[in-house]
Amino acid sequence: DDLGSGTVEQVRAGFSRAGGGVKGVILDCSGLEVLDIDDCQCLQRLRRMFSLLGARAVLMGLKPGVVAALIGLGCDAEELEGVLGLENALAFVRGESDKRLV
C-alpha cells in the first residue's frame, strides 16, 4: 500500500490525540515488501515531524533488500534510522541505544 499524504495525516492525527507526553514513536515497517522513493520521503517526513514535536522516531523491521533498494534510488541513508526488532526499537526511542541499521 502507498504511504501517501493520507497515511501521514492519519499518523499525525493519532499522535495529536495522544497528547504532548509522547517521547518516542516506533514506525513498524516489517510488513512493507517494496518501497519507492516517494514512500521513503514519506517516512522521512514522518520522522522529521515527530522530531519537531519532541518525539524520537525509529523505523522498525525494514528488510535489508528494501533498505538497499532505497539507498540505490538515492534515498538519504542518514534519514533511515532503523532497527530490526521491538526490543531494539524501544531502547532506541528511550535513548538507551543509538544502534541503527545504516
C-alpha atoms as a PDB file:
ATOM      1  CA  ASP A   1       0.000   0.000   0.000  1.00  0.00           C
ATOM      2  CA  ASP A   2       1.169   3.541  -0.715  1.00  0.00           C
ATOM      3  CA  LEU A   3       2.432   5.771   2.073  1.00  0.00           C
ATOM      4  CA  GLY A   4       0.707   8.861   0.728  1.00  0.00           C
ATOM      5  CA  SER A   5      -0.461  12.058   2.361  1.00  0.00           C
ATOM      6  CA  GLY A   6      -3.487  10.261   3.808  1.00  0.00           C
ATOM      7  CA  THR A   7      -1.207   7.976   5.796  1.00  0.00           C
ATOM      8  CA  VAL A   8       0.837  10.911   7.047  1.00  0.00           C
ATOM      9  CA  GLU A   9      -2.340  12.697   8.114  1.00  0.00           C
ATOM     10  CA  GLN A  10      -3.665   9.609   9.936  1.00  0.00           C
ATOM     11  CA  VAL A  11      -0.400   9.202  11.835  1.00  0.00           C
ATOM     12  CA  ARG A  12      -0.255  12.921  12.664  1.00  0.00           C
ATOM     13  CA  ALA A  13      -3.840  12.864  13.939  1.00  0.00           C
ATOM     14  CA  GLY A  14      -3.151   9.800  16.095  1.00  0.00           C
ATOM     15  CA  PHE A  15      -0.060  11.468  17.527  1.00  0.00           C
ATOM     16  CA  SER A  16      -2.049  14.626  18.284  1.00  0.00           C
ATOM     17  CA  ARG A  17      -4.759  12.622  20.087  1.00  0.00           C
ATOM     18  CA  ALA A  18      -2.084  11.024  22.269  1.00  0.00           C
ATOM     19  CA  GLY A  19      -1.142  14.430  23.644  1.00  0.00           C
ATOM     20  CA  GLY A  20       2.201  16.005  24.394  1.00  0.00           C
ATOM     21  CA  GLY A  21       3.539  13.233  26.594  1.00  0.00           C
ATOM     22  CA  VAL A  22       4.729  11.051  23.707  1.00  0.00           C
ATOM     23  CA  LYS A  23       8.521  10.738  23.825  1.00  0.00           C
ATOM     24  CA  GLY A  24       9.017   8.039  21.213  1.00  0.00           C
ATOM     25  CA  VAL A  25       7.359   6.612  18.125  1.00  0.00           C
ATOM     26  CA  ILE A  26       8.063   3.249  16.508  1.00  0.00           C
ATOM     27  CA  LEU A  27       7.073   3.025  12.855  1.00  0.00           C
ATOM     28  CA  ASP A  28       6.627  -0.691  12.118  1.00  0.00           C
ATOM     29  CA  CYS A  29       7.757  -1.309   8.538  1.00  0.00           C
ATOM     30  CA  SER A  30       8.011  -5.088   8.804  1.00  0.00           C
ATOM     31  CA  GLY A  31       5.011  -5.624   6.532  1.00  0.00           C
ATOM     32  CA  LEU A  32       6.392  -3.487   3.733  1.00  0.00           C
ATOM     33  CA  GLU A  33       7.800  -5.590   0.910  1.00  0.00           C
ATOM     34  CA  VAL A  34       8.502  -2.778  -1.533  1.00  0.00           C
ATOM     35  CA  LEU A  35       9.103   0.940  -1.061  1.00  0.00           C
ATOM     36  CA  ASP A  36       9.751   3.517  -3.725  1.00  0.00           C
ATOM     37  CA  ILE A  37      11.454   6.886  -3.366  1.00  0.00           C
ATOM     38  CA  ASP A  38       8.115   8.590  -2.621  1.00  0.00           C
ATOM     39  CA  ASP A  39       7.475   6.154   0.240  1.00  0.00           C
ATOM     40  CA  CYS A  40      10.982   6.774   1.554  1.00  0.00           C
ATOM     41  CA  GLN A  41      10.389  10.524   1.503  1.00  0.00           C
ATOM     42  CA  CYS A  42       7.079   9.988   3.312  1.00  0.00           C
ATOM     43  CA  LEU A  43       8.830   8.038   6.087  1.00  0.00           C
ATOM     44  CA  GLN A  44      11.455  10.784   6.294  1.00  0.00           C
ATOM     45  CA  ARG A  45       8.718  13.433   6.635  1.00  0.00           C
ATOM     46  CA  LEU A  46       7.068  11.433   9.405  1.00  0.00           C
ATOM     47  CA  ARG A  47      10.338  11.116  11.312  1.00  0.00           C
ATOM     48  CA  ARG A  48      11.057  14.854  10.959  1.00  0.00           C
ATOM     49  CA  MET A  49       7.505  15.704  12.059  1.00  0.00           C
ATOM     50  CA  PHE A  50       7.868  13.598  15.216  1.00  0.00           C
ATOM     51  CA  SER A  51      11.242  15.150  15.920  1.00  0.00           C
ATOM     52  CA  LEU A  52       9.750  18.647  15.657  1.00  0.00           C
ATOM     53  CA  LEU A  53       7.027  17.554  18.083  1.00  0.00           C
ATOM     54  CA  GLY A  54       9.636  16.365  20.579  1.00  0.00           C
ATOM     55  CA  ALA A  55       9.444  12.613  19.999  1.00  0.00           C
ATOM     56  CA  ARG A  56      12.234  10.309  18.923  1.00  0.00           C
ATOM     57  CA  ALA A  57      11.091   8.151  15.993  1.00  0.00           C
ATOM     58  CA  VAL A  58      12.613   4.980  14.621  1.00  0.00           C
ATOM     59  CA  LEU A  59      11.755   2.685  11.726  1.00  0.00           C
ATOM     60  CA  MET A  60      11.453  -0.937  12.783  1.00  0.00           C
ATOM     61  CA  GLY A  61      11.647  -4.034  10.631  1.00  0.00           C
ATOM     62  CA  LEU A  62      12.833  -2.675   7.297  1.00  0.00           C
ATOM     63  CA  LYS A  63      14.055  -5.617   5.260  1.00  0.00           C
ATOM     64  CA  PRO A  64      17.695  -5.416   4.080  1.00  0.00           C
ATOM     65  CA  GLY A  65      16.663  -5.646   0.424  1.00  0.00           C
ATOM     66  CA  VAL A  66      14.253  -2.736   0.865  1.00  0.00           C
ATOM     67  CA  VAL A  67      16.968  -0.628   2.528  1.00  0.00           C
ATOM     68  CA  ALA A  68      19.452  -1.456  -0.248  1.00  0.00           C
ATOM     69  CA  ALA A  69      16.896  -0.571  -2.920  1.00  0.00           C
ATOM     70  CA  LEU A  70      16.077   2.755  -1.250  1.00  0.00           C
ATOM     71  CA  ILE A  71      19.741   3.686  -0.991  1.00  0.00           C
ATOM     72  CA  GLY A  72      20.142   2.691  -4.641  1.00  0.00           C
ATOM     73  CA  LEU A  73      17.283   5.060  -5.521  1.00  0.00           C
ATOM     74  CA  GLY A  74      19.099   7.911  -3.777  1.00  0.00           C
ATOM     75  CA  CYS A  75      17.183   7.963  -0.505  1.00  0.00           C
ATOM     76  CA  ASP A  76      19.275   9.638   2.211  1.00  0.00           C
ATOM     77  CA  ALA A  77      20.591   6.817   4.391  1.00  0.00           C
ATOM     78  CA  GLU A  78      21.093   9.196   7.329  1.00  0.00           C
ATOM     79  CA  GLU A  79      17.327   9.702   7.428  1.00  0.00           C
ATOM     80  CA  LEU A  80      16.681   5.951   7.695  1.00  0.00           C
ATOM     81  CA  GLU A  81      17.206   5.448  11.391  1.00  0.00           C
ATOM     82  CA  GLY A  82      16.001   1.943  11.820  1.00  0.00           C
ATOM     83  CA  VAL A  83      16.288  -1.146  13.962  1.00  0.00           C
ATOM     84  CA  LEU A  84      15.360  -4.774  13.424  1.00  0.00           C
ATOM     85  CA  GLY A  85      13.261  -5.730  16.438  1.00  0.00           C
ATOM     86  CA  LEU A  86      10.888  -4.344  19.030  1.00  0.00           C
ATOM     87  CA  GLU A  87      13.384  -4.568  21.901  1.00  0.00           C
ATOM     88  CA  ASN A  88      15.902  -2.515  19.942  1.00  0.00           C
ATOM     89  CA  ALA A  89      13.209  -0.055  18.865  1.00  0.00           C
ATOM     90  CA  LEU A  90      12.086   0.514  22.453  1.00  0.00           C
ATOM     91  CA  ALA A  91      15.687   1.051  23.585  1.00  0.00           C
ATOM     92  CA  PHE A  92      16.234   3.479  20.713  1.00  0.00           C
ATOM     93  CA  VAL A  93      13.194   5.668  21.390  1.00  0.00           C
ATOM     94  CA  ARG A  94      14.043   5.699  25.101  1.00  0.00           C
ATOM     95  CA  GLY A  95      17.508   6.972  24.228  1.00  0.00           C
ATOM     96  CA  GLU A  96      19.174   3.879  25.646  1.00  0.00           C
ATOM     97  CA  SER A  97      20.723   2.889  22.327  1.00  0.00           C
ATOM     98  CA  ASP A  98      21.885   4.593  19.178  1.00  0.00           C
ATOM     99  CA  LYS A  99      22.333   1.406  17.136  1.00  0.00           C
ATOM    100  CA  ARG A 100      20.989   1.818  13.656  1.00  0.00           C
ATOM    101  CA  LEU A 101      20.679  -0.270  10.511  1.00  0.00           C
ATOM    102  CA  VAL A 102      22.537   2.244   8.394  1.00  0.00           C
END
